[in-house]
Every structure is written in C-alpha cells, then in structure tokens.
C-alpha cells in the first residue's frame, strides 16, 4: 500500500515543522509535488526519509550546502574501474 501524506502529516512523520518543509522546498533540498485536482499536494515515505536524512546531516555538523552535495550522491552512479 502506497502512503500519501499531506504537508502536515509529512512534517509530523519527519519530526519537523511545516515551515521547515517549505524552507527545504525553497532551498531545493526537497521537491515540491504538483498540485493534483484535489488541491492537496501529496508526499511519500521517501520524502519523510529525505527530511530525516537532512536533519541527521545537520546534527552531524553538515551545513545545508554540504547536505546538497551529500544528497547528490544518492542515485545511479557510474564508476569506471580498470
């Protein structure tokens, strides 16, 4: 079953405030989903995990610019090995 969350539920699940979610969206740390016909943007569990990662990185002393770099490491990477 696929969980879809409103911004309030997303913030609650990630342990942050709604304004923090919006700040992360403005900072391009989190993608803002398109607004469906229902009018409520829907977020996924992956968004919760991403916010938790950002908060954990901050706890470890990384600033937001550093965190952007860390987030870029998530995804398909290629490595040419001899």
PDB file of N, CA and C in Angstrom:
ATOM      1  N   UNK A   1       0.842  -1.187   0.000  1.00  0.00           N
ATOM      2  CA  UNK A   1       0.000   0.000   0.000  1.00  0.00           C
ATOM      3  C   UNK A   1       0.885   1.247   0.000  1.00  0.00           C
ATOM      4  N   UNK A   2       0.588   2.159  -0.868  1.00  0.00           N
ATOM      5  CA  UNK A   2       1.367   3.384  -1.017  1.00  0.00           C
ATOM      6  C   UNK A   2       0.806   4.480  -0.107  1.00  0.00           C
ATOM      7  N   UNK A   3       1.648   5.019   0.751  1.00  0.00           N
ATOM      8  CA  UNK A   3       1.223   6.051   1.693  1.00  0.00           C
ATOM      9  C   UNK A   3       1.405   7.416   1.049  1.00  0.00           C
ATOM     10  N   UNK A   4       0.360   8.218   1.053  1.00  0.00           N
ATOM     11  CA  UNK A   4       0.417   9.587   0.544  1.00  0.00           C
ATOM     12  C   UNK A   4       0.121  10.515   1.712  1.00  0.00           C
ATOM     13  N   UNK A   5       0.989  11.477   1.923  1.00  0.00           N
ATOM     14  CA  UNK A   5       0.894  12.363   3.070  1.00  0.00           C
ATOM     15  C   UNK A   5       0.662  13.806   2.656  1.00  0.00           C
ATOM     16  N   UNK A   6      -0.123  14.527   3.439  1.00  0.00           N
ATOM     17  CA  UNK A   6      -0.229  15.974   3.264  1.00  0.00           C
ATOM     18  C   UNK A   6       1.023  16.592   3.869  1.00  0.00           C
ATOM     19  N   UNK A   7       1.230  17.865   3.648  1.00  0.00           N
ATOM     20  CA  UNK A   7       2.434  18.520   4.168  1.00  0.00           C
ATOM     21  C   UNK A   7       2.475  18.462   5.698  1.00  0.00           C
ATOM     22  N   UNK A   8       1.325  18.575   6.331  1.00  0.00           N
ATOM     23  CA  UNK A   8       1.270  18.498   7.792  1.00  0.00           C
ATOM     24  C   UNK A   8       1.652  17.125   8.309  1.00  0.00           C
ATOM     25  N   UNK A   9       1.144  16.099   7.667  1.00  0.00           N
ATOM     26  CA  UNK A   9       1.474  14.719   8.061  1.00  0.00           C
ATOM     27  C   UNK A   9       2.937  14.402   7.762  1.00  0.00           C
ATOM     28  N   UNK A  10       3.434  14.933   6.637  1.00  0.00           N
ATOM     29  CA  UNK A  10       4.847  14.760   6.286  1.00  0.00           C
ATOM     30  C   UNK A  10       5.727  15.360   7.373  1.00  0.00           C
ATOM     31  N   UNK A  11       5.431  16.592   7.745  1.00  0.00           N
ATOM     32  CA  UNK A  11       6.218  17.278   8.768  1.00  0.00           C
ATOM     33  C   UNK A  11       6.185  16.506  10.087  1.00  0.00           C
ATOM     34  N   UNK A  12       5.010  16.055  10.463  1.00  0.00           N
ATOM     35  CA  UNK A  12       4.858  15.295  11.706  1.00  0.00           C
ATOM     36  C   UNK A  12       5.670  13.998  11.655  1.00  0.00           C
ATOM     37  N   UNK A  13       5.567  13.271  10.564  1.00  0.00           N
ATOM     38  CA  UNK A  13       6.279  11.997  10.422  1.00  0.00           C
ATOM     39  C   UNK A  13       7.795  12.189  10.424  1.00  0.00           C
ATOM     40  N   UNK A  14       8.253  13.321   9.896  1.00  0.00           N
ATOM     41  CA  UNK A  14       9.693  13.590   9.811  1.00  0.00           C
ATOM     42  C   UNK A  14      10.227  14.279  11.068  1.00  0.00           C
ATOM     43  N   UNK A  15       9.332  14.732  11.938  1.00  0.00           N
ATOM     44  CA  UNK A  15       9.752  15.382  13.170  1.00  0.00           C
ATOM     45  C   UNK A  15      10.190  16.822  12.989  1.00  0.00           C
ATOM     46  N   UNK A  16       9.594  17.500  12.007  1.00  0.00           N
ATOM     47  CA  UNK A  16       9.904  18.911  11.757  1.00  0.00           C
ATOM     48  C   UNK A  16       8.599  19.686  11.639  1.00  0.00           C
ATOM     49  N   UNK A  17       8.708  20.999  11.510  1.00  0.00           N
ATOM     50  CA  UNK A  17       7.530  21.828  11.309  1.00  0.00           C
ATOM     51  C   UNK A  17       7.222  21.989   9.826  1.00  0.00           C
ATOM     52  N   UNK A  18       6.016  22.406   9.535  1.00  0.00           N
ATOM     53  CA  UNK A  18       5.600  22.634   8.151  1.00  0.00           C
ATOM     54  C   UNK A  18       6.480  23.688   7.488  1.00  0.00           C
ATOM     55  N   UNK A  19       6.855  24.719   8.222  1.00  0.00           N
ATOM     56  CA  UNK A  19       7.709  25.763   7.645  1.00  0.00           C
ATOM     57  C   UNK A  19       9.090  25.227   7.292  1.00  0.00           C
ATOM     58  N   UNK A  20       9.562  24.236   8.026  1.00  0.00           N
ATOM     59  CA  UNK A  20      10.835  23.603   7.679  1.00  0.00           C
ATOM     60  C   UNK A  20      10.716  22.888   6.341  1.00  0.00           C
ATOM     61  N   UNK A  21       9.618  22.186   6.137  1.00  0.00           N
ATOM     62  CA  UNK A  21       9.378  21.507   4.851  1.00  0.00           C
ATOM     63  C   UNK A  21       9.375  22.538   3.729  1.00  0.00           C
ATOM     64  N   UNK A  22       8.674  23.631   3.934  1.00  0.00           N
ATOM     65  CA  UNK A  22       8.611  24.670   2.906  1.00  0.00           C
ATOM     66  C   UNK A  22       9.986  25.293   2.650  1.00  0.00           C
ATOM     67  N   UNK A  23      10.762  25.482   3.705  1.00  0.00           N
ATOM     68  CA  UNK A  23      12.124  26.006   3.562  1.00  0.00           C
ATOM     69  C   UNK A  23      12.971  25.048   2.728  1.00  0.00           C
ATOM     70  N   UNK A  24      12.882  23.766   3.001  1.00  0.00           N
ATOM     71  CA  UNK A  24      13.638  22.773   2.235  1.00  0.00           C
ATOM     72  C   UNK A  24      13.213  22.781   0.768  1.00  0.00           C
ATOM     73  N   UNK A  25      11.954  23.026   0.523  1.00  0.00           N
ATOM     74  CA  UNK A  25      11.483  23.116  -0.868  1.00  0.00           C
ATOM     75  C   UNK A  25      12.072  24.349  -1.544  1.00  0.00           C
ATOM     76  N   UNK A  26      12.038  25.478  -0.884  1.00  0.00           N
ATOM     77  CA  UNK A  26      12.612  26.705  -1.455  1.00  0.00           C
ATOM     78  C   UNK A  26      14.114  26.566  -1.672  1.00  0.00           C
ATOM     79  N   UNK A  27      14.773  25.799  -0.794  1.00  0.00           N
ATOM     80  CA  UNK A  27      16.217  25.593  -0.886  1.00  0.00           C
ATOM     81  C   UNK A  27      16.588  24.489  -1.865  1.00  0.00           C
ATOM     82  N   UNK A  28      15.592  23.895  -2.512  1.00  0.00           N
ATOM     83  CA  UNK A  28      15.802  22.812  -3.490  1.00  0.00           C
ATOM     84  C   UNK A  28      16.346  21.538  -2.860  1.00  0.00           C
ATOM     85  N   UNK A  29      16.150  21.374  -1.560  1.00  0.00           N
ATOM     86  CA  UNK A  29      16.530  20.132  -0.891  1.00  0.00           C
ATOM     87  C   UNK A  29      15.432  19.086  -1.013  1.00  0.00           C
ATOM     88  N   UNK A  30      14.220  19.551  -1.247  1.00  0.00           N
ATOM     89  CA  UNK A  30      13.058  18.681  -1.342  1.00  0.00           C
ATOM     90  C   UNK A  30      12.193  19.168  -2.498  1.00  0.00           C
ATOM     91  N   UNK A  31      11.781  18.243  -3.335  1.00  0.00           N
ATOM     92  CA  UNK A  31      10.952  18.594  -4.481  1.00  0.00           C
ATOM     93  C   UNK A  31       9.505  18.823  -4.032  1.00  0.00           C
ATOM     94  N   UNK A  32       8.923  19.890  -4.523  1.00  0.00           N
ATOM     95  CA  UNK A  32       7.519  20.169  -4.236  1.00  0.00           C
ATOM     96  C   UNK A  32       6.666  19.457  -5.272  1.00  0.00           C
ATOM     97  N   UNK A  33       5.802  18.529  -4.828  1.00  0.00           N
ATOM     98  CA  UNK A  33       4.980  17.806  -5.797  1.00  0.00           C
ATOM     99  C   UNK A  33       3.945  18.722  -6.455  1.00  0.00           C
ATOM    100  N   UNK A  34       3.531  18.335  -7.631  1.00  0.00           N
ATOM    101  CA  UNK A  34       2.490  19.100  -8.328  1.00  0.00           C
ATOM    102  C   UNK A  34       1.179  18.984  -7.569  1.00  0.00           C
ATOM    103  N   UNK A  35       0.357  20.004  -7.716  1.00  0.00           N
ATOM    104  CA  UNK A  35      -0.930  20.011  -7.029  1.00  0.00           C
ATOM    105  C   UNK A  35      -1.950  19.239  -7.885  1.00  0.00           C
ATOM    106  N   UNK A  36      -2.487  18.135  -7.354  1.00  0.00           N
ATOM    107  CA  UNK A  36      -3.478  17.364  -8.111  1.00  0.00           C
ATOM    108  C   UNK A  36      -4.843  18.058  -8.091  1.00  0.00           C
ATOM    109  N   UNK A  37      -5.807  17.539  -8.820  1.00  0.00           N
ATOM    110  CA  UNK A  37      -7.142  18.155  -8.841  1.00  0.00           C
ATOM    111  C   UNK A  37      -7.772  18.299  -7.450  1.00  0.00           C
ATOM    112  N   UNK A  38      -7.404  17.422  -6.523  1.00  0.00           N
ATOM    113  CA  UNK A  38      -7.962  17.507  -5.161  1.00  0.00           C
ATOM    114  C   UNK A  38      -7.500  18.766  -4.447  1.00  0.00           C
ATOM    115  N   UNK A  39      -6.380  19.347  -4.927  1.00  0.00           N
ATOM    116  CA  UNK A  39      -5.868  20.580  -4.334  1.00  0.00           C
ATOM    117  C   UNK A  39      -4.814  20.372  -3.269  1.00  0.00           C
ATOM    118  N   UNK A  40      -4.654  19.144  -2.768  1.00  0.00           N
ATOM    119  CA  UNK A  40      -3.684  18.863  -1.719  1.00  0.00           C
ATOM    120  C   UNK A  40      -2.478  18.139  -2.303  1.00  0.00           C
ATOM    121  N   UNK A  41      -1.312  18.731  -2.131  1.00  0.00           N
ATOM    122  CA  UNK A  41      -0.095  18.056  -2.584  1.00  0.00           C
ATOM    123  C   UNK A  41       0.095  16.805  -1.743  1.00  0.00           C
ATOM    124  N   UNK A  42       0.592  15.766  -2.374  1.00  0.00           N
ATOM    125  CA  UNK A  42       0.792  14.500  -1.681  1.00  0.00           C
ATOM    126  C   UNK A  42       2.272  14.140  -1.667  1.00  0.00           C
ATOM    127  N   UNK A  43       2.756  13.778  -0.490  1.00  0.00           N
ATOM    128  CA  UNK A  43       4.149  13.419  -0.290  1.00  0.00           C
ATOM    129  C   UNK A  43       4.229  11.927   0.017  1.00  0.00           C
ATOM    130  N   UNK A  44       5.416  11.370  -0.158  1.00  0.00           N
ATOM    131  CA  UNK A  44       5.605   9.933   0.039  1.00  0.00           C
ATOM    132  C   UNK A  44       6.503   9.654   1.246  1.00  0.00           C
ATOM    133  N   UNK A  45       6.628   8.381   1.553  1.00  0.00           N
ATOM    134  CA  UNK A  45       7.526   7.956   2.626  1.00  0.00           C
ATOM    135  C   UNK A  45       8.975   8.302   2.276  1.00  0.00           C
ATOM    136  N   UNK A  46       9.303   8.311   0.993  1.00  0.00           N
ATOM    137  CA  UNK A  46      10.661   8.697   0.568  1.00  0.00           C
ATOM    138  C   UNK A  46      10.948  10.144   0.953  1.00  0.00           C
ATOM    139  N   UNK A  47       9.930  11.009   0.914  1.00  0.00           N
ATOM    140  CA  UNK A  47      10.108  12.406   1.328  1.00  0.00           C
ATOM    141  C   UNK A  47      10.392  12.483   2.834  1.00  0.00           C
ATOM    142  N   UNK A  48       9.718  11.643   3.607  1.00  0.00           N
ATOM    143  CA  UNK A  48       9.972  11.576   5.051  1.00  0.00           C
ATOM    144  C   UNK A  48      11.426  11.184   5.282  1.00  0.00           C
ATOM    145  N   UNK A  49      11.879  10.158   4.592  1.00  0.00           N
ATOM    146  CA  UNK A  49      13.257   9.689   4.752  1.00  0.00           C
ATOM    147  C   UNK A  49      14.263  10.759   4.344  1.00  0.00           C
ATOM    148  N   UNK A  50      13.946  11.503   3.293  1.00  0.00           N
ATOM    149  CA  UNK A  50      14.852  12.559   2.830  1.00  0.00           C
ATOM    150  C   UNK A  50      14.981  13.663   3.880  1.00  0.00           C
ATOM    151  N   UNK A  51      13.870  14.068   4.470  1.00  0.00           N
ATOM    152  CA  UNK A  51      13.913  15.102   5.507  1.00  0.00           C
ATOM    153  C   UNK A  51      14.685  14.601   6.721  1.00  0.00           C
ATOM    154  N   UNK A  52      14.455  13.364   7.098  1.00  0.00           N
ATOM    155  CA  UNK A  52      15.198  12.799   8.230  1.00  0.00           C
ATOM    156  C   UNK A  52      16.697  12.763   7.941  1.00  0.00           C
ATOM    157  N   UNK A  53      17.062  12.464   6.704  1.00  0.00           N
ATOM    158  CA  UNK A  53      18.470  12.473   6.312  1.00  0.00           C
ATOM    159  C   UNK A  53      19.052  13.876   6.452  1.00  0.00           C
ATOM    160  N   UNK A  54      18.316  14.874   5.981  1.00  0.00           N
ATOM    161  CA  UNK A  54      18.778  16.264   6.062  1.00  0.00           C
ATOM    162  C   UNK A  54      18.992  16.658   7.526  1.00  0.00           C
ATOM    163  N   UNK A  55      18.018  16.334   8.364  1.00  0.00           N
ATOM    164  CA  UNK A  55      18.132  16.676   9.785  1.00  0.00           C
ATOM    165  C   UNK A  55      19.296  15.938  10.434  1.00  0.00           C
ATOM    166  N   UNK A  56      19.508  14.675  10.064  1.00  0.00           N
ATOM    167  CA  UNK A  56      20.627  13.903  10.623  1.00  0.00           C
ATOM    168  C   UNK A  56      21.961  14.524  10.200  1.00  0.00           C
ATOM    169  N   UNK A  57      22.049  14.926   8.937  1.00  0.00           N
ATOM    170  CA  UNK A  57      23.276  15.559   8.439  1.00  0.00           C
ATOM    171  C   UNK A  57      23.563  16.839   9.221  1.00  0.00           C
ATOM    172  N   UNK A  58      22.532  17.611   9.509  1.00  0.00           N
ATOM    173  CA  UNK A  58      22.718  18.836  10.287  1.00  0.00           C
ATOM    174  C   UNK A  58      23.199  18.508  11.696  1.00  0.00           C
ATOM    175  N   UNK A  59      22.646  17.462  12.279  1.00  0.00           N
ATOM    176  CA  UNK A  59      23.054  17.033  13.620  1.00  0.00           C
ATOM    177  C   UNK A  59      24.527  16.647  13.645  1.00  0.00           C
ATOM    178  N   UNK A  60      24.990  16.067  12.540  1.00  0.00           N
ATOM    179  CA  UNK A  60      26.388  15.649  12.439  1.00  0.00           C
ATOM    180  C   UNK A  60      27.332  16.796  12.088  1.00  0.00           C
ATOM    181  N   UNK A  61      26.766  17.998  11.877  1.00  0.00           N
ATOM    182  CA  UNK A  61      27.601  19.168  11.635  1.00  0.00           C
ATOM    183  C   UNK A  61      27.693  19.633  10.195  1.00  0.00           C
ATOM    184  N   UNK A  62      26.971  18.990   9.301  1.00  0.00           N
ATOM    185  CA  UNK A  62      26.976  19.421   7.902  1.00  0.00           C
ATOM    186  C   UNK A  62      26.043  20.620   7.743  1.00  0.00           C
ATOM    187  N   UNK A  63      26.478  21.625   6.975  1.00  0.00           N
ATOM    188  CA  UNK A  63      25.588  22.740   6.673  1.00  0.00           C
ATOM    189  C   UNK A  63      24.711  22.345   5.476  1.00  0.00           C
ATOM    190  N   UNK A  64      23.782  23.209   5.109  1.00  0.00           N
ATOM    191  CA  UNK A  64      22.850  22.850   4.031  1.00  0.00           C
ATOM    192  C   UNK A  64      23.545  22.696   2.687  1.00  0.00           C
ATOM    193  N   UNK A  65      24.578  23.504   2.423  1.00  0.00           N
ATOM    194  CA  UNK A  65      25.323  23.351   1.168  1.00  0.00           C
ATOM    195  C   UNK A  65      26.001  21.982   1.109  1.00  0.00           C
ATOM    196  N   UNK A  66      26.593  21.567   2.227  1.00  0.00           N
ATOM    197  CA  UNK A  66      27.211  20.239   2.291  1.00  0.00           C
ATOM    198  C   UNK A  66      26.166  19.146   2.080  1.00  0.00           C
ATOM    199  N   UNK A  67      25.007  19.354   2.673  1.00  0.00           N
ATOM    200  CA  UNK A  67      23.939  18.368   2.579  1.00  0.00           C
ATOM    201  C   UNK A  67      23.456  18.217   1.144  1.00  0.00           C
ATOM    202  N   UNK A  68      23.396  19.311   0.394  1.00  0.00           N
ATOM    203  CA  UNK A  68      23.035  19.235  -1.021  1.00  0.00           C
ATOM    204  C   UNK A  68      24.006  18.299  -1.741  1.00  0.00           C
ATOM    205  N   UNK A  69      25.289  18.442  -1.441  1.00  0.00           N
ATOM    206  CA  UNK A  69      26.293  17.569  -2.044  1.00  0.00           C
ATOM    207  C   UNK A  69      26.099  16.118  -1.655  1.00  0.00           C
ATOM    208  N   UNK A  70      25.772  15.877  -0.392  1.00  0.00           N
ATOM    209  CA  UNK A  70      25.527  14.506   0.053  1.00  0.00           C
ATOM    210  C   UNK A  70      24.310  13.907  -0.653  1.00  0.00           C
ATOM    211  N   UNK A  71      23.272  14.715  -0.820  1.00  0.00           N
ATOM    212  CA  UNK A  71      22.062  14.222  -1.477  1.00  0.00           C
ATOM    213  C   UNK A  71      22.307  13.886  -2.940  1.00  0.00           C
ATOM    214  N   UNK A  72      23.252  14.572  -3.556  1.00  0.00           N
ATOM    215  CA  UNK A  72      23.571  14.276  -4.958  1.00  0.00           C
ATOM    216  C   UNK A  72      24.225  12.911  -5.108  1.00  0.00           C
ATOM    217  N   UNK A  73      24.773  12.385  -4.021  1.00  0.00           N
ATOM    218  CA  UNK A  73      25.391  11.068  -4.056  1.00  0.00           C
ATOM    219  C   UNK A  73      24.342   9.956  -4.112  1.00  0.00           C
ATOM    220  N   UNK A  74      23.107  10.280  -3.796  1.00  0.00           N
ATOM    221  CA  UNK A  74      22.019   9.302  -3.815  1.00  0.00           C
ATOM    222  C   UNK A  74      21.490   9.178  -5.234  1.00  0.00           C
ATOM    223  N   UNK A  75      21.643   8.044  -5.822  1.00  0.00           N
ATOM    224  CA  UNK A  75      21.143   7.842  -7.178  1.00  0.00           C
ATOM    225  C   UNK A  75      22.102   6.999  -7.976  1.00  0.00           C
ATOM    226  N   UNK A  76      21.775   6.805  -9.225  1.00  0.00           N
ATOM    227  CA  UNK A  76      22.631   5.960 -10.056  1.00  0.00           C
ATOM    228  C   UNK A  76      23.976   6.644 -10.290  1.00  0.00           C
ATOM    229  N   UNK A  77      24.992   5.964  -9.946  1.00  0.00           N
ATOM    230  CA  UNK A  77      26.347   6.482 -10.139  1.00  0.00           C
ATOM    231  C   UNK A  77      27.097   5.524 -11.048  1.00  0.00           C
ATOM    232  N   UNK A  78      28.005   6.061 -11.810  1.00  0.00           N
ATOM    233  CA  UNK A  78      28.843   5.200 -12.625  1.00  0.00           C
ATOM    234  C   UNK A  78      30.274   5.332 -12.150  1.00  0.00           C
ATOM    235  N   UNK A  79      30.982   4.285 -12.288  1.00  0.00           N
ATOM    236  CA  UNK A  79      32.370   4.281 -11.871  1.00  0.00           C
ATOM    237  C   UNK A  79      33.138   3.413 -12.854  1.00  0.00           C
ATOM    238  N   UNK A  80      34.105   3.992 -13.516  1.00  0.00           N
ATOM    239  CA  UNK A  80      34.933   3.239 -14.448  1.00  0.00           C
ATOM    240  C   UNK A  80      36.090   2.626 -13.688  1.00  0.00           C
ATOM    241  N   UNK A  81      36.020   1.340 -13.500  1.00  0.00           N
ATOM    242  CA  UNK A  81      37.099   0.637 -12.832  1.00  0.00           C
ATOM    243  C   UNK A  81      37.936  -0.110 -13.876  1.00  0.00           C
ATOM    244  N   UNK A  82      39.245  -0.099 -13.688  1.00  0.00           N
ATOM    245  CA  UNK A  82      40.104  -0.829 -14.648  1.00  0.00           C
ATOM    246  C   UNK A  82      39.918  -2.323 -14.569  1.00  0.00           C
TER     247      UNK A  82
END
